[in-house]
Amino acid sequence: MPVTAELNAEIKILSLFNLDSQMEGLKVHKNADNDSRAAIARLHAKGLLTQSDGGYLTDLGVHCAEHIQTALRILTSP
């Protein structure tokens, strides 16, 4: 599976979530770049985020973010 620019933007967003606290979410502001806003809207449409402008991870979103963040830790370790 090729990693498209859109998929890369979604991975970037999912890597920003603090998985140690379900009470921390993300909010996209009007001055955010278009790629980030579009990625968050796509993640919401896929059922991973609670709001189209960010919000919190859903249960599926937590599961996905855990895997993404684990993969990134493995791939970036020396």
PDB file of N, CA and C in Angstrom:
ATOM      1  N   MET A   1       0.846  -1.173   0.000  1.00  0.00           N
ATOM      2  CA  MET A   1       0.000   0.000   0.000  1.00  0.00           C
ATOM      3  C   MET A   1       0.891   1.236   0.000  1.00  0.00           C
ATOM      4  N   PRO A   2       0.750   2.081  -1.004  1.00  0.00           N
ATOM      5  CA  PRO A   2       1.552   3.296  -1.028  1.00  0.00           C
ATOM      6  C   PRO A   2       1.059   4.296   0.029  1.00  0.00           C
ATOM      7  N   VAL A   3       1.984   5.041   0.576  1.00  0.00           N
ATOM      8  CA  VAL A   3       1.639   6.078   1.551  1.00  0.00           C
ATOM      9  C   VAL A   3       1.468   7.377   0.783  1.00  0.00           C
ATOM     10  N   THR A   4       0.212   7.757   0.581  1.00  0.00           N
ATOM     11  CA  THR A   4      -0.113   8.982  -0.140  1.00  0.00           C
ATOM     12  C   THR A   4       0.078  10.184   0.779  1.00  0.00           C
ATOM     13  N   ALA A   5       0.051  11.352   0.200  1.00  0.00           N
ATOM     14  CA  ALA A   5       0.154  12.575   0.995  1.00  0.00           C
ATOM     15  C   ALA A   5      -1.013  12.675   1.976  1.00  0.00           C
ATOM     16  N   GLU A   6      -2.198  12.246   1.546  1.00  0.00           N
ATOM     17  CA  GLU A   6      -3.372  12.292   2.417  1.00  0.00           C
ATOM     18  C   GLU A   6      -3.223  11.334   3.602  1.00  0.00           C
ATOM     19  N   LEU A   7      -2.761  10.127   3.318  1.00  0.00           N
ATOM     20  CA  LEU A   7      -2.548   9.150   4.388  1.00  0.00           C
ATOM     21  C   LEU A   7      -1.456   9.621   5.341  1.00  0.00           C
ATOM     22  N   ASN A   8      -0.414  10.200   4.805  1.00  0.00           N
ATOM     23  CA  ASN A   8       0.665  10.729   5.633  1.00  0.00           C
ATOM     24  C   ASN A   8       0.140  11.825   6.569  1.00  0.00           C
ATOM     25  N   ALA A   9      -0.730  12.680   6.069  1.00  0.00           N
ATOM     26  CA  ALA A   9      -1.308  13.744   6.901  1.00  0.00           C
ATOM     27  C   ALA A   9      -2.163  13.154   8.015  1.00  0.00           C
ATOM     28  N   GLU A  10      -2.905  12.085   7.719  1.00  0.00           N
ATOM     29  CA  GLU A  10      -3.721  11.431   8.738  1.00  0.00           C
ATOM     30  C   GLU A  10      -2.847  10.764   9.797  1.00  0.00           C
ATOM     31  N   ILE A  11      -1.776  10.130   9.373  1.00  0.00           N
ATOM     32  CA  ILE A  11      -0.834   9.518  10.318  1.00  0.00           C
ATOM     33  C   ILE A  11      -0.243  10.590  11.228  1.00  0.00           C
ATOM     34  N   LYS A  12       0.104  11.709  10.649  1.00  0.00           N
ATOM     35  CA  LYS A  12       0.666  12.821  11.430  1.00  0.00           C
ATOM     36  C   LYS A  12      -0.323  13.277  12.506  1.00  0.00           C
ATOM     37  N   ILE A  13      -1.582  13.424  12.140  1.00  0.00           N
ATOM     38  CA  ILE A  13      -2.590  13.850  13.113  1.00  0.00           C
ATOM     39  C   ILE A  13      -2.738  12.809  14.218  1.00  0.00           C
ATOM     40  N   LEU A  14      -2.840  11.542  13.859  1.00  0.00           N
ATOM     41  CA  LEU A  14      -3.011  10.484  14.864  1.00  0.00           C
ATOM     42  C   LEU A  14      -1.803  10.378  15.794  1.00  0.00           C
ATOM     43  N   SER A  15      -0.637  10.753  15.306  1.00  0.00           N
ATOM     44  CA  SER A  15       0.560  10.697  16.152  1.00  0.00           C
ATOM     45  C   SER A  15       0.597  11.827  17.179  1.00  0.00           C
ATOM     46  N   LEU A  16      -0.246  12.831  17.015  1.00  0.00           N
ATOM     47  CA  LEU A  16      -0.264  13.967  17.943  1.00  0.00           C
ATOM     48  C   LEU A  16      -1.059  13.698  19.218  1.00  0.00           C
ATOM     49  N   PHE A  17      -1.925  12.709  19.195  1.00  0.00           N
ATOM     50  CA  PHE A  17      -2.781  12.452  20.350  1.00  0.00           C
ATOM     51  C   PHE A  17      -1.993  11.837  21.499  1.00  0.00           C
ATOM     52  N   ASN A  18      -2.282  12.315  22.705  1.00  0.00           N
ATOM     53  CA  ASN A  18      -1.695  11.777  23.928  1.00  0.00           C
ATOM     54  C   ASN A  18      -2.542  10.582  24.351  1.00  0.00           C
ATOM     55  N   LEU A  19      -2.009   9.397  24.198  1.00  0.00           N
ATOM     56  CA  LEU A  19      -2.765   8.184  24.521  1.00  0.00           C
ATOM     57  C   LEU A  19      -2.808   7.890  26.009  1.00  0.00           C
ATOM     58  N   ASP A  20      -2.082   8.663  26.804  1.00  0.00           N
ATOM     59  CA  ASP A  20      -2.106   8.478  28.253  1.00  0.00           C
ATOM     60  C   ASP A  20      -3.330   9.126  28.886  1.00  0.00           C
ATOM     61  N   SER A  21      -4.024   9.980  28.128  1.00  0.00           N
ATOM     62  CA  SER A  21      -5.192  10.670  28.670  1.00  0.00           C
ATOM     63  C   SER A  21      -6.290  10.749  27.618  1.00  0.00           C
ATOM     64  N   GLN A  22      -7.407  10.125  27.908  1.00  0.00           N
ATOM     65  CA  GLN A  22      -8.553  10.196  27.010  1.00  0.00           C
ATOM     66  C   GLN A  22      -9.231  11.565  27.070  1.00  0.00           C
ATOM     67  N   MET A  23      -8.809  12.393  28.016  1.00  0.00           N
ATOM     68  CA  MET A  23      -9.427  13.703  28.195  1.00  0.00           C
ATOM     69  C   MET A  23      -8.738  14.796  27.374  1.00  0.00           C
ATOM     70  N   GLU A  24      -7.722  14.442  26.619  1.00  0.00           N
ATOM     71  CA  GLU A  24      -7.027  15.401  25.769  1.00  0.00           C
ATOM     72  C   GLU A  24      -7.428  15.169  24.328  1.00  0.00           C
ATOM     73  N   GLY A  25      -7.867  16.230  23.684  1.00  0.00           N
ATOM     74  CA  GLY A  25      -8.246  16.138  22.289  1.00  0.00           C
ATOM     75  C   GLY A  25      -7.457  17.138  21.464  1.00  0.00           C
ATOM     76  N   LEU A  26      -7.865  17.284  20.229  1.00  0.00           N
ATOM     77  CA  LEU A  26      -7.254  18.256  19.325  1.00  0.00           C
ATOM     78  C   LEU A  26      -8.336  19.151  18.755  1.00  0.00           C
ATOM     79  N   LYS A  27      -7.994  20.386  18.516  1.00  0.00           N
ATOM     80  CA  LYS A  27      -8.904  21.340  17.904  1.00  0.00           C
ATOM     81  C   LYS A  27      -8.173  22.004  16.750  1.00  0.00           C
ATOM     82  N   VAL A  28      -8.778  21.966  15.582  1.00  0.00           N
ATOM     83  CA  VAL A  28      -8.180  22.622  14.415  1.00  0.00           C
ATOM     84  C   VAL A  28      -8.685  24.047  14.369  1.00  0.00           C
ATOM     85  N   HIS A  29      -7.768  24.967  14.331  1.00  0.00           N
ATOM     86  CA  HIS A  29      -8.131  26.378  14.265  1.00  0.00           C
ATOM     87  C   HIS A  29      -8.206  26.835  12.817  1.00  0.00           C
ATOM     88  N   LYS A  30      -8.822  27.975  12.606  1.00  0.00           N
ATOM     89  CA  LYS A  30      -9.009  28.514  11.250  1.00  0.00           C
ATOM     90  C   LYS A  30      -7.691  28.737  10.524  1.00  0.00           C
ATOM     91  N   ASN A  31      -6.626  29.007  11.276  1.00  0.00           N
ATOM     92  CA  ASN A  31      -5.335  29.294  10.646  1.00  0.00           C
ATOM     93  C   ASN A  31      -4.491  28.032  10.422  1.00  0.00           C
ATOM     94  N   ALA A  32      -5.058  26.857  10.703  1.00  0.00           N
ATOM     95  CA  ALA A  32      -4.333  25.599  10.454  1.00  0.00           C
ATOM     96  C   ALA A  32      -4.202  25.391   8.949  1.00  0.00           C
ATOM     97  N   ASP A  33      -3.177  24.665   8.551  1.00  0.00           N
ATOM     98  CA  ASP A  33      -2.977  24.426   7.122  1.00  0.00           C
ATOM     99  C   ASP A  33      -4.086  23.539   6.566  1.00  0.00           C
ATOM    100  N   ASN A  34      -4.328  23.673   5.287  1.00  0.00           N
ATOM    101  CA  ASN A  34      -5.414  22.941   4.627  1.00  0.00           C
ATOM    102  C   ASN A  34      -5.250  21.432   4.735  1.00  0.00           C
ATOM    103  N   ASP A  35      -4.013  20.939   4.661  1.00  0.00           N
ATOM    104  CA  ASP A  35      -3.774  19.494   4.748  1.00  0.00           C
ATOM    105  C   ASP A  35      -4.226  18.934   6.094  1.00  0.00           C
ATOM    106  N   SER A  36      -3.926  19.648   7.167  1.00  0.00           N
ATOM    107  CA  SER A  36      -4.321  19.191   8.505  1.00  0.00           C
ATOM    108  C   SER A  36      -5.827  19.229   8.676  1.00  0.00           C
ATOM    109  N   ARG A  37      -6.458  20.306   8.220  1.00  0.00           N
ATOM    110  CA  ARG A  37      -7.920  20.404   8.327  1.00  0.00           C
ATOM    111  C   ARG A  37      -8.600  19.290   7.538  1.00  0.00           C
ATOM    112  N   ALA A  38      -8.104  19.022   6.342  1.00  0.00           N
ATOM    113  CA  ALA A  38      -8.687  17.971   5.507  1.00  0.00           C
ATOM    114  C   ALA A  38      -8.455  16.594   6.133  1.00  0.00           C
ATOM    115  N   ALA A  39      -7.268  16.381   6.696  1.00  0.00           N
ATOM    116  CA  ALA A  39      -6.961  15.094   7.332  1.00  0.00           C
ATOM    117  C   ALA A  39      -7.891  14.845   8.514  1.00  0.00           C
ATOM    118  N   ILE A  40      -8.130  15.854   9.313  1.00  0.00           N
ATOM    119  CA  ILE A  40      -9.022  15.694  10.462  1.00  0.00           C
ATOM    120  C   ILE A  40     -10.444  15.418  10.006  1.00  0.00           C
ATOM    121  N   ALA A  41     -10.886  16.096   8.965  1.00  0.00           N
ATOM    122  CA  ALA A  41     -12.229  15.828   8.430  1.00  0.00           C
ATOM    123  C   ALA A  41     -12.340  14.391   7.921  1.00  0.00           C
ATOM    124  N   ARG A  42     -11.299  13.897   7.262  1.00  0.00           N
ATOM    125  CA  ARG A  42     -11.312  12.505   6.789  1.00  0.00           C
ATOM    126  C   ARG A  42     -11.317  11.518   7.953  1.00  0.00           C
ATOM    127  N   LEU A  43     -10.522  11.798   8.982  1.00  0.00           N
ATOM    128  CA  LEU A  43     -10.483  10.916  10.152  1.00  0.00           C
ATOM    129  C   LEU A  43     -11.843  10.881  10.850  1.00  0.00           C
ATOM    130  N   HIS A  44     -12.521  12.010  10.888  1.00  0.00           N
ATOM    131  CA  HIS A  44     -13.867  12.058  11.459  1.00  0.00           C
ATOM    132  C   HIS A  44     -14.826  11.233  10.610  1.00  0.00           C
ATOM    133  N   ALA A  45     -14.740  11.375   9.292  1.00  0.00           N
ATOM    134  CA  ALA A  45     -15.616  10.625   8.389  1.00  0.00           C
ATOM    135  C   ALA A  45     -15.373   9.116   8.509  1.00  0.00           C
ATOM    136  N   LYS A  46     -14.164   8.724   8.844  1.00  0.00           N
ATOM    137  CA  LYS A  46     -13.822   7.309   9.017  1.00  0.00           C
ATOM    138  C   LYS A  46     -14.200   6.782  10.400  1.00  0.00           C
ATOM    139  N   GLY A  47     -14.701   7.668  11.261  1.00  0.00           N
ATOM    140  CA  GLY A  47     -15.124   7.245  12.595  1.00  0.00           C
ATOM    141  C   GLY A  47     -14.023   7.202  13.623  1.00  0.00           C
ATOM    142  N   LEU A  48     -12.901   7.876  13.356  1.00  0.00           N
ATOM    143  CA  LEU A  48     -11.778   7.854  14.299  1.00  0.00           C
ATOM    144  C   LEU A  48     -11.777   9.042  15.253  1.00  0.00           C
ATOM    145  N   LEU A  49     -12.438  10.134  14.867  1.00  0.00           N
ATOM    146  CA  LEU A  49     -12.518  11.339  15.696  1.00  0.00           C
ATOM    147  C   LEU A  49     -13.974  11.690  15.957  1.00  0.00           C
ATOM    148  N   THR A  50     -14.226  12.327  17.101  1.00  0.00           N
ATOM    149  CA  THR A  50     -15.594  12.652  17.482  1.00  0.00           C
ATOM    150  C   THR A  50     -16.157  13.869  16.767  1.00  0.00           C
ATOM    151  N   GLN A  51     -15.309  14.757  16.288  1.00  0.00           N
ATOM    152  CA  GLN A  51     -15.776  15.991  15.645  1.00  0.00           C
ATOM    153  C   GLN A  51     -15.048  16.212  14.326  1.00  0.00           C
ATOM    154  N   SER A  52     -15.694  16.908  13.413  1.00  0.00           N
ATOM    155  CA  SER A  52     -15.075  17.169  12.109  1.00  0.00           C
ATOM    156  C   SER A  52     -13.937  18.179  12.197  1.00  0.00           C
ATOM    157  N   ASP A  53     -13.840  18.889  13.327  1.00  0.00           N
ATOM    158  CA  ASP A  53     -12.735  19.830  13.525  1.00  0.00           C
ATOM    159  C   ASP A  53     -11.779  19.346  14.604  1.00  0.00           C
ATOM    160  N   GLY A  54     -11.795  18.046  14.864  1.00  0.00           N
ATOM    161  CA  GLY A  54     -10.877  17.467  15.854  1.00  0.00           C
ATOM    162  C   GLY A  54     -11.633  16.708  16.917  1.00  0.00           C
ATOM    163  N   GLY A  55     -11.610  17.242  18.112  1.00  0.00           N
ATOM    164  CA  GLY A  55     -12.287  16.560  19.210  1.00  0.00           C
ATOM    165  C   GLY A  55     -11.417  15.475  19.810  1.00  0.00           C
ATOM    166  N   TYR A  56     -12.070  14.373  20.156  1.00  0.00           N
ATOM    167  CA  TYR A  56     -11.398  13.271  20.834  1.00  0.00           C
ATOM    168  C   TYR A  56     -11.368  12.052  19.931  1.00  0.00           C
ATOM    169  N   LEU A  57     -10.496  11.131  20.275  1.00  0.00           N
ATOM    170  CA  LEU A  57     -10.462   9.862  19.561  1.00  0.00           C
ATOM    171  C   LEU A  57     -11.668   9.019  19.973  1.00  0.00           C
ATOM    172  N   THR A  58     -12.262   8.350  19.022  1.00  0.00           N
ATOM    173  CA  THR A  58     -13.277   7.349  19.323  1.00  0.00           C
ATOM    174  C   THR A  58     -12.551   6.087  19.792  1.00  0.00           C
ATOM    175  N   ASP A  59     -13.295   5.067  20.177  1.00  0.00           N
ATOM    176  CA  ASP A  59     -12.657   3.808  20.556  1.00  0.00           C
ATOM    177  C   ASP A  59     -11.829   3.259  19.396  1.00  0.00           C
ATOM    178  N   LEU A  60     -12.382   3.321  18.191  1.00  0.00           N
ATOM    179  CA  LEU A  60     -11.640   2.875  17.014  1.00  0.00           C
ATOM    180  C   LEU A  60     -10.416   3.764  16.779  1.00  0.00           C
ATOM    181  N   GLY A  61     -10.572   5.067  17.021  1.00  0.00           N
ATOM    182  CA  GLY A  61      -9.466   5.995  16.866  1.00  0.00           C
ATOM    183  C   GLY A  61      -8.329   5.723  17.833  1.00  0.00           C
ATOM    184  N   VAL A  62      -8.674   5.373  19.069  1.00  0.00           N
ATOM    185  CA  VAL A  62      -7.650   5.029  20.070  1.00  0.00           C
ATOM    186  C   VAL A  62      -6.875   3.813  19.595  1.00  0.00           C
ATOM    187  N   HIS A  63      -7.598   2.803  19.144  1.00  0.00           N
ATOM    188  CA  HIS A  63      -6.960   1.577  18.669  1.00  0.00           C
ATOM    189  C   HIS A  63      -6.014   1.880  17.502  1.00  0.00           C
ATOM    190  N   CYS A  64      -6.479   2.668  16.568  1.00  0.00           N
ATOM    191  CA  CYS A  64      -5.670   3.024  15.401  1.00  0.00           C
ATOM    192  C   CYS A  64      -4.446   3.856  15.812  1.00  0.00           C
ATOM    193  N   ALA A  65      -4.655   4.854  16.662  1.00  0.00           N
ATOM    194  CA  ALA A  65      -3.551   5.717  17.095  1.00  0.00           C
ATOM    195  C   ALA A  65      -2.501   4.919  17.867  1.00  0.00           C
ATOM    196  N   GLU A  66      -2.937   3.948  18.664  1.00  0.00           N
ATOM    197  CA  GLU A  66      -1.983   3.099  19.381  1.00  0.00           C
ATOM    198  C   GLU A  66      -1.074   2.371  18.388  1.00  0.00           C
ATOM    199  N   HIS A  67      -1.655   1.812  17.367  1.00  0.00           N
ATOM    200  CA  HIS A  67      -0.866   1.086  16.373  1.00  0.00           C
ATOM    201  C   HIS A  67       0.054   2.026  15.588  1.00  0.00           C
ATOM    202  N   ILE A  68      -0.462   3.160  15.206  1.00  0.00           N
ATOM    203  CA  ILE A  68       0.346   4.145  14.469  1.00  0.00           C
ATOM    204  C   ILE A  68       1.538   4.583  15.316  1.00  0.00           C
ATOM    205  N   GLN A  69       1.262   4.952  16.570  1.00  0.00           N
ATOM    206  CA  GLN A  69       2.336   5.457  17.425  1.00  0.00           C
ATOM    207  C   GLN A  69       3.351   4.360  17.746  1.00  0.00           C
ATOM    208  N   THR A  70       2.906   3.137  17.905  1.00  0.00           N
ATOM    209  CA  THR A  70       3.832   2.034  18.127  1.00  0.00           C
ATOM    210  C   THR A  70       4.719   1.823  16.900  1.00  0.00           C
ATOM    211  N   ALA A  71       4.108   1.811  15.728  1.00  0.00           N
ATOM    212  CA  ALA A  71       4.879   1.636  14.493  1.00  0.00           C
ATOM    213  C   ALA A  71       5.902   2.762  14.334  1.00  0.00           C
ATOM    214  N   LEU A  72       5.516   3.979  14.623  1.00  0.00           N
ATOM    215  CA  LEU A  72       6.458   5.097  14.497  1.00  0.00           C
ATOM    216  C   LEU A  72       7.610   4.965  15.477  1.00  0.00           C
ATOM    217  N   ARG A  73       7.319   4.510  16.713  1.00  0.00           N
ATOM    218  CA  ARG A  73       8.399   4.309  17.700  1.00  0.00           C
ATOM    219  C   ARG A  73       9.376   3.239  17.192  1.00  0.00           C
ATOM    220  N   ILE A  74       8.850   2.158  16.656  1.00  0.00           N
ATOM    221  CA  ILE A  74       9.711   1.080  16.156  1.00  0.00           C
ATOM    222  C   ILE A  74      10.549   1.570  14.976  1.00  0.00           C
ATOM    223  N   LEU A  75       9.912   2.263  14.062  1.00  0.00           N
ATOM    224  CA  LEU A  75      10.621   2.702  12.835  1.00  0.00           C
ATOM    225  C   LEU A  75      11.628   3.815  13.079  1.00  0.00           C
ATOM    226  N   THR A  76      11.445   4.572  14.151  1.00  0.00           N
ATOM    227  CA  THR A  76      12.378   5.667  14.410  1.00  0.00           C
ATOM    228  C   THR A  76      13.417   5.325  15.470  1.00  0.00           C
ATOM    229  N   SER A  77      13.379   4.099  16.000  1.00  0.00           N
ATOM    230  CA  SER A  77      14.395   3.722  16.984  1.00  0.00           C
ATOM    231  C   SER A  77      15.683   3.354  16.264  1.00  0.00           C
ATOM    232  N   PRO A  78      16.818   3.585  16.912  1.00  0.00           N
ATOM    233  CA  PRO A  78      18.107   3.305  16.266  1.00  0.00           C
ATOM    234  C   PRO A  78      18.349   1.837  16.010  1.00  0.00           C
TER     235      PRO A  78
END
